[in-house]
């Protein structure tokens, strides 16, 4: 970047700047930690001579530990696409109106999490349910390492509560599926033969008004990738060609994601053998009655908390950390076995 001809090629320069931003997200916290360590060592020397420094040192140590925990979480996001922004899709499963309302609650949870951590949120598509909740939503979470954090959320989420829509006061179980895809840049090339794509068009509706409601501008692309059906869908644009381009980009990102997860031995349990968003396929359970509990259901991740309201308000760090720690341990074991 210090070269005199750095800006001769603006596109290449912007890519370099983006790489530096991603690196600084990790390097700057490391530099801050190193400074905190030096400060703590100096305080320890002072406290050895004057006990009044001990209380101040305890406060600084607590701050340094929080920095360390955040840095450790960041350092575990070493996947090729972890630094990307993320496209999140939420769809209700078994449970009718309850499930639609549950999908909307999850949407709120992730938006709150993103806002707390300084990520931008852009709603790309939202289909409301007539009675309550949503039929589906797709939104973009923009910022460095958004996908790295949110990849822990891929899968089926289960809610148990007293139904606010019924008269019986009985507990109801609802399901919703969360899919998270990295937003790939143009440095990653995925080749998909167009003749192997199945294209479906539909009236996209939404905020575009009459044009979207009357023309087949929405596009859904279906691709059979090594026996697995992969889909990309877009309805946000007024023109079909633009929606086609968006759907194709999303489909390519999902193909790339599948390959990366296979490489890491970390394919999430999205659905059961029948492809249903229902009991038996959940990665996390949220219980509101008769007790409160949020529990990760994945093998090897031992984590649960009674603080369900805090979780639904976006406090997801513990679950994200547990998932990344588990993934890192699996990767280390696989690497050791291969060597």
Protein backbone atom coordinates (compact mmCIF):
# COMPACT_ATOMS: atom_id res chain seq x y z
CA UNK A 1 0.00 0.00 0.00
CA UNK A 2 2.96 2.34 0.46
CA UNK A 3 4.07 1.89 -3.16
CA UNK A 4 3.70 4.97 -5.34
CA UNK A 5 1.71 3.07 -8.00
CA UNK A 6 -0.70 1.48 -5.51
CA UNK A 7 -3.76 3.32 -6.91
CA UNK A 8 -2.90 2.73 -10.58
CA UNK A 9 -5.32 -0.20 -10.50
CA UNK A 10 -8.27 0.93 -8.29
CA UNK A 11 -10.00 -2.49 -8.28
CA UNK A 12 -6.84 -4.28 -7.13
CA UNK A 13 -6.20 -1.54 -4.57
CA UNK A 14 -9.67 -1.94 -3.06
CA UNK A 15 -9.16 -5.71 -2.75
CA UNK A 16 -5.87 -5.13 -0.94
CA UNK A 17 -7.49 -2.63 1.41
CA UNK A 18 -10.24 -5.15 2.18
CA UNK A 19 -7.63 -7.81 3.00
CA UNK A 20 -5.91 -5.36 5.37
CA UNK A 21 -9.22 -4.63 7.12
CA UNK A 22 -9.78 -8.33 7.72
CA UNK A 23 -6.24 -8.80 9.07
CA UNK A 24 -6.52 -5.78 11.34
CA UNK A 25 -9.66 -7.21 12.94
CA UNK A 26 -7.35 -9.87 14.39
CA UNK A 27 -4.05 -8.00 14.67
CA UNK A 28 -5.26 -4.90 16.51
CA UNK A 29 -6.88 -6.86 19.37
CA UNK A 30 -3.64 -8.86 19.65
CA UNK A 31 -1.64 -5.64 19.96
CA UNK A 32 -4.10 -4.38 22.60
CA UNK A 33 -3.66 -7.63 24.55
CA UNK A 34 0.12 -7.36 24.41
CA UNK A 35 -0.10 -3.81 25.81
CA UNK A 36 -2.50 -4.99 28.56
CA UNK A 37 -0.03 -7.74 29.50
CA UNK A 38 2.79 -5.19 29.79
CA UNK A 39 0.61 -2.91 31.93
CA UNK A 40 -0.36 -5.80 34.22
CA UNK A 41 3.27 -6.81 34.69
CA UNK A 42 4.12 -3.25 35.68
CA UNK A 43 1.19 -3.19 38.14
CA UNK A 44 2.33 -6.47 39.67
CA UNK A 45 5.72 -4.95 40.40
CA UNK A 46 4.09 -1.90 41.98
CA UNK A 47 1.66 -4.06 44.00
CA UNK A 48 4.60 -6.04 45.40
CA UNK A 49 5.89 -2.78 46.88
CA UNK A 50 2.57 -1.11 47.68
CA UNK A 51 -0.54 -3.22 48.43
CA UNK A 52 -2.85 -0.33 47.48
CA UNK A 53 -2.19 -1.15 43.80
CA UNK A 54 -3.70 -4.64 44.21
CA UNK A 55 -7.33 -3.49 43.87
CA UNK A 56 -6.55 -1.48 40.73
CA UNK A 57 -4.69 -4.46 39.30
CA UNK A 58 -7.70 -6.76 39.85
CA UNK A 59 -9.93 -4.39 37.86
CA UNK A 60 -7.43 -4.21 34.98
CA UNK A 61 -7.03 -8.00 35.03
CA UNK A 62 -10.81 -8.45 34.63
CA UNK A 63 -10.79 -6.08 31.63
CA UNK A 64 -7.83 -7.92 30.09
CA UNK A 65 -9.58 -11.28 30.51
CA UNK A 66 -12.63 -10.00 28.60
CA UNK A 67 -10.33 -8.82 25.82
CA UNK A 68 -8.63 -12.20 25.81
CA UNK A 69 -11.92 -14.11 25.55
CA UNK A 70 -13.03 -11.95 22.61
CA UNK A 71 -9.64 -12.41 20.93
CA UNK A 72 -9.70 -16.18 21.45
CA UNK A 73 -13.13 -16.34 19.80
CA UNK A 74 -11.88 -14.26 16.87
CA UNK A 75 -8.74 -16.38 16.47
CA UNK A 76 -10.80 -19.56 16.06
CA UNK A 77 -12.44 -18.18 12.91
CA UNK A 78 -9.77 -19.36 10.49
CA UNK A 79 -11.98 -20.74 7.71
CA UNK A 80 -11.49 -19.31 4.22
CA UNK A 81 -14.91 -17.64 4.24
CA UNK A 82 -15.17 -16.80 7.96
CA UNK A 83 -14.24 -13.16 7.36
CA UNK A 84 -17.14 -12.66 4.90
CA UNK A 85 -20.44 -10.91 5.46
CA UNK A 86 -23.37 -13.31 5.81
CA UNK A 87 -26.73 -13.99 4.18
CA UNK A 88 -29.19 -15.40 6.73
CA UNK A 89 -32.42 -17.21 5.79
CA UNK A 90 -35.07 -18.23 8.34
CA UNK A 91 -38.04 -20.46 7.53
CA UNK A 92 -40.70 -21.91 9.86
CA UNK A 93 -41.20 -25.66 10.05
CA UNK A 94 -43.64 -27.85 11.96
CA UNK A 95 -46.00 -25.91 14.22
CA UNK A 96 -48.25 -23.79 11.97
CA UNK A 97 -48.80 -20.22 13.16
CA UNK A 98 -46.69 -20.97 16.24
CA UNK A 99 -43.73 -21.80 13.98
CA UNK A 100 -44.23 -18.64 11.91
CA UNK A 101 -44.18 -16.58 15.10
CA UNK A 102 -41.07 -18.49 16.27
CA UNK A 103 -39.30 -17.69 12.97
CA UNK A 104 -40.05 -14.00 13.56
CA UNK A 105 -38.66 -14.23 17.11
CA UNK A 106 -35.42 -15.71 15.73
CA UNK A 107 -35.22 -12.91 13.19
CA UNK A 108 -35.48 -10.36 16.00
CA UNK A 109 -32.83 -12.25 18.01
CA UNK A 110 -30.26 -12.14 15.20
CA UNK A 111 -30.95 -8.50 14.36
CA UNK A 112 -30.39 -7.57 18.01
CA UNK A 113 -27.18 -9.61 18.13
CA UNK A 114 -25.89 -7.91 14.97
CA UNK A 115 -26.72 -4.42 16.23
CA UNK A 116 -24.97 -5.07 19.57
CA UNK A 117 -21.78 -6.00 17.72
CA UNK A 118 -21.79 -3.17 15.19
CA UNK A 119 -22.83 -5.19 12.13
CA UNK A 120 -25.06 -3.70 9.48
CA UNK A 121 -28.38 -5.45 8.79
CA UNK A 122 -30.15 -5.24 5.42
CA UNK A 123 -33.49 -6.98 4.93
CA UNK A 124 -33.45 -8.61 1.50
CA UNK A 125 -36.78 -10.44 1.48
CA UNK A 126 -39.59 -10.96 3.97
CA UNK A 127 -42.86 -12.84 3.50
CA UNK A 128 -45.30 -12.21 6.37
CA UNK A 129 -47.73 -14.82 7.63
CA UNK A 130 -51.41 -13.79 7.57
CA UNK A 131 -52.15 -14.50 11.26
CA UNK A 132 -48.80 -13.84 12.93
CA UNK A 133 -45.08 -14.13 12.30
CA UNK A 134 -43.40 -14.75 8.96
CA UNK A 135 -43.37 -17.39 6.22
CA UNK A 136 -39.73 -16.63 5.51
CA UNK A 137 -37.10 -13.90 5.77
CA UNK A 138 -33.71 -13.35 4.18
CA UNK A 139 -31.35 -10.64 5.37
CA UNK A 140 -27.72 -9.61 5.02
CA UNK A 141 -25.43 -9.11 8.01
CA UNK A 142 -22.57 -6.91 6.80
CA UNK A 143 -19.15 -6.64 8.43
CA UNK A 144 -15.87 -8.47 8.93
CA UNK A 145 -16.34 -12.01 10.28
CA UNK A 146 -20.15 -11.87 10.29
CA UNK A 147 -20.25 -15.35 8.75
CA UNK A 148 -17.56 -16.57 11.14
CA UNK A 149 -19.83 -15.79 14.08
CA UNK A 150 -23.18 -16.76 12.56
CA UNK A 151 -22.14 -20.14 11.14
CA UNK A 152 -22.84 -21.58 14.59
CA UNK A 153 -26.56 -20.92 14.01
CA UNK A 154 -27.04 -23.12 10.94
CA UNK A 155 -29.70 -25.75 11.61
CA UNK A 156 -33.12 -26.31 13.16
CA UNK A 157 -34.13 -24.38 16.28
CA UNK A 158 -36.86 -25.74 18.60
CA UNK A 159 -39.14 -23.69 20.87
CA UNK A 160 -41.31 -25.01 23.72
CA UNK A 161 -43.83 -22.60 25.31
CA UNK A 162 -47.45 -22.02 26.24
CA UNK A 163 -49.15 -21.04 22.99
CA UNK A 164 -50.29 -17.39 22.82
CA UNK A 165 -52.60 -18.34 19.94
CA UNK A 166 -54.65 -21.11 21.57
CA UNK A 167 -57.21 -21.32 24.40
CA UNK A 168 -56.07 -24.54 26.04
CA UNK A 169 -53.01 -23.22 27.89
CA UNK A 170 -51.03 -26.29 26.81
CA UNK A 171 -47.37 -26.39 25.85
CA UNK A 172 -46.63 -26.21 22.14
CA UNK A 173 -43.46 -27.17 20.28
CA UNK A 174 -42.43 -25.18 17.21
CA UNK A 175 -39.53 -25.44 14.78
CA UNK A 176 -37.72 -23.07 12.43
CA UNK A 177 -34.68 -23.56 10.21
CA UNK A 178 -31.80 -21.09 10.02
CA UNK A 179 -29.41 -21.14 7.08
CA UNK A 180 -26.33 -18.91 6.91
CA UNK A 181 -24.32 -18.44 3.71
CA UNK A 182 -21.09 -16.48 3.27
CA UNK A 183 -21.23 -13.56 0.88
CA UNK A 184 -18.35 -14.47 -1.43
CA UNK A 185 -16.25 -11.89 -3.25
CA UNK A 186 -15.11 -12.22 -6.85
CA UNK A 187 -11.77 -13.75 -5.86
CA UNK A 188 -13.49 -17.11 -5.34
CA UNK A 189 -14.64 -18.72 -8.58
CA UNK A 190 -17.34 -21.40 -8.62
CA UNK A 191 -18.21 -22.91 -11.99
CA UNK A 192 -21.80 -24.07 -12.42
CA UNK A 193 -22.97 -25.12 -15.94
CA UNK A 194 -26.15 -23.19 -16.72
CA UNK A 195 -27.62 -26.18 -18.57
CA UNK A 196 -27.64 -28.07 -15.26
CA UNK A 197 -29.70 -25.39 -13.52
CA UNK A 198 -33.45 -25.66 -13.06
CA UNK A 199 -35.00 -22.20 -13.11
CA UNK A 200 -38.37 -21.33 -11.62
CA UNK A 201 -39.99 -17.88 -11.82
CA UNK A 202 -42.76 -16.39 -9.71
CA UNK A 203 -44.47 -13.12 -8.81
CA UNK A 204 -42.23 -11.73 -6.16
CA UNK A 205 -44.61 -9.37 -4.31
CA UNK A 206 -43.15 -7.34 -1.49
CA UNK A 207 -42.41 -3.59 -1.37
CA UNK A 208 -41.91 -3.28 -5.15
CA UNK A 209 -45.65 -2.77 -5.65
CA UNK A 210 -47.75 -3.66 -8.68
CA UNK A 211 -44.81 -4.42 -10.98
CA UNK A 212 -43.52 -7.17 -8.71
CA UNK A 213 -46.98 -8.54 -8.07
CA UNK A 214 -47.91 -8.80 -11.77
CA UNK A 215 -44.69 -10.01 -13.41
CA UNK A 216 -42.65 -13.17 -12.99
CA UNK A 217 -39.61 -11.28 -11.70
CA UNK A 218 -38.73 -13.59 -8.80
CA UNK A 219 -36.19 -16.31 -9.61
CA UNK A 220 -35.44 -19.63 -7.94
CA UNK A 221 -32.47 -21.69 -9.17
CA UNK A 222 -32.14 -25.38 -8.28
CA UNK A 223 -28.91 -27.31 -8.80
CA UNK A 224 -28.17 -30.97 -8.10
CA UNK A 225 -24.69 -30.89 -6.60
CA UNK A 226 -23.27 -34.36 -5.98
CA UNK A 227 -26.70 -35.70 -5.16
CA UNK A 228 -27.66 -32.78 -2.91
CA UNK A 229 -30.27 -30.24 -3.97
CA UNK A 230 -28.94 -26.71 -3.63
CA UNK A 231 -31.15 -23.62 -4.09
CA UNK A 232 -30.66 -19.94 -4.65
CA UNK A 233 -33.61 -17.56 -4.63
CA UNK A 234 -34.12 -13.83 -5.09
CA UNK A 235 -37.23 -11.66 -5.29
CA UNK A 236 -35.91 -8.30 -4.12
CA UNK A 237 -35.26 -6.71 -7.52
CA UNK A 238 -37.83 -5.43 -10.02
CA UNK A 239 -36.13 -7.12 -12.97
CA UNK A 240 -35.81 -10.85 -13.55
CA UNK A 241 -32.16 -10.64 -14.81
CA UNK A 242 -31.07 -8.93 -11.57
CA UNK A 243 -32.89 -11.50 -9.47
CA UNK A 244 -31.30 -14.25 -11.57
CA UNK A 245 -27.83 -12.83 -10.86
CA UNK A 246 -28.57 -12.59 -7.12
CA UNK A 247 -29.98 -16.14 -7.00
CA UNK A 248 -26.95 -17.51 -8.88
CA UNK A 249 -24.51 -15.75 -6.52
CA UNK A 250 -26.33 -17.22 -3.51
CA UNK A 251 -26.38 -20.69 -5.05
CA UNK A 252 -22.63 -20.55 -5.75
CA UNK A 253 -21.97 -19.45 -2.17
CA UNK A 254 -23.95 -22.43 -0.87
CA UNK A 255 -22.03 -24.85 -3.09
CA UNK A 256 -18.76 -23.41 -1.81
CA UNK A 257 -20.04 -23.60 1.76
CA UNK A 258 -20.92 -27.30 1.37
CA UNK A 259 -17.42 -28.11 0.15
CA UNK A 260 -15.78 -26.19 2.99
CA UNK A 261 -17.95 -27.86 5.61
CA UNK A 262 -17.20 -31.29 4.15
CA UNK A 263 -13.49 -30.47 4.25
CA UNK A 264 -13.79 -29.52 7.92
CA UNK A 265 -16.03 -32.50 8.71
CA UNK A 266 -18.58 -30.04 10.01
CA UNK A 267 -21.78 -30.37 7.99
CA UNK A 268 -24.55 -29.01 10.20
CA UNK A 269 -27.63 -31.12 10.88
CA UNK A 270 -30.10 -28.92 9.00
CA UNK A 271 -32.93 -31.40 8.54
CA UNK A 272 -33.77 -35.01 9.24
CA UNK A 273 -33.67 -37.81 6.65
CA UNK A 274 -37.03 -36.70 5.20
CA UNK A 275 -35.90 -33.11 4.80
CA UNK A 276 -38.34 -31.91 7.45
CA UNK A 277 -37.87 -29.01 9.85
CA UNK A 278 -39.22 -30.97 12.79
CA UNK A 279 -38.45 -32.93 15.95
CA UNK A 280 -35.20 -34.88 15.99
CA UNK A 281 -33.21 -32.49 13.82
CA UNK A 282 -32.77 -29.51 16.16
CA UNK A 283 -29.36 -28.05 16.99
CA UNK A 284 -30.71 -25.95 19.86
CA UNK A 285 -33.78 -26.04 22.11
CA UNK A 286 -35.40 -23.04 23.80
CA UNK A 287 -37.79 -23.90 26.65
CA UNK A 288 -40.00 -21.16 28.13
CA UNK A 289 -42.43 -23.30 30.22
CA UNK A 290 -42.61 -24.92 32.75
CA UNK A 291 -38.96 -23.88 33.29
CA UNK A 292 -36.54 -21.71 31.30
CA UNK A 293 -33.63 -23.29 29.46
CA UNK A 294 -31.63 -22.90 26.28
CA UNK A 295 -29.57 -25.98 25.39
CA UNK A 296 -27.27 -26.81 22.49
CA UNK A 297 -28.22 -30.27 21.23
CA UNK A 298 -25.14 -31.02 19.11
CA UNK A 299 -22.87 -33.86 20.13
CA UNK A 300 -19.69 -32.65 21.78
CA UNK A 301 -21.06 -29.21 22.75
CA UNK A 302 -22.00 -29.15 26.41
CA UNK A 303 -23.76 -25.84 26.95
CA UNK A 304 -27.03 -24.75 28.49
CA UNK A 305 -28.35 -21.65 30.26
CA UNK A 306 -31.61 -20.70 32.01
CA UNK A 307 -31.29 -17.12 30.69
CA UNK A 308 -33.66 -17.60 27.77
CA UNK A 309 -34.82 -13.97 27.58
CA UNK A 310 -31.24 -12.69 27.40
CA UNK A 311 -30.55 -15.22 24.64
CA UNK A 312 -33.63 -14.13 22.68
CA UNK A 313 -32.45 -10.54 23.10
CA UNK A 314 -29.25 -11.40 21.23
CA UNK A 315 -26.81 -12.68 23.87
CA UNK A 316 -25.44 -15.51 21.74
CA UNK A 317 -21.71 -15.26 22.45
CA UNK A 318 -21.56 -18.33 24.71
CA UNK A 319 -23.18 -20.54 22.08
CA UNK A 320 -21.03 -19.15 19.27
CA UNK A 321 -17.90 -19.64 21.35
CA UNK A 322 -18.83 -23.22 22.26
CA UNK A 323 -19.45 -24.10 18.62
CA UNK A 324 -16.17 -22.57 17.40
CA UNK A 325 -14.21 -24.22 20.20
CA UNK A 326 -15.76 -27.58 19.27
CA UNK A 327 -15.04 -27.04 15.56
CA UNK A 328 -11.44 -26.07 16.28
CA UNK A 329 -10.93 -29.17 18.43
CA UNK A 330 -12.33 -31.39 15.66
CA UNK A 331 -10.05 -29.75 13.09
CA UNK A 332 -7.00 -30.30 15.32
CA UNK A 333 -7.92 -33.98 15.82
CA UNK A 334 -8.42 -34.47 12.07
CA UNK A 335 -5.10 -32.79 11.34
CA UNK A 336 -3.27 -34.93 13.90
CA UNK A 337 -4.85 -38.10 12.52
CA UNK A 338 -3.90 -37.18 8.94
CA UNK A 339 -0.28 -36.53 9.93
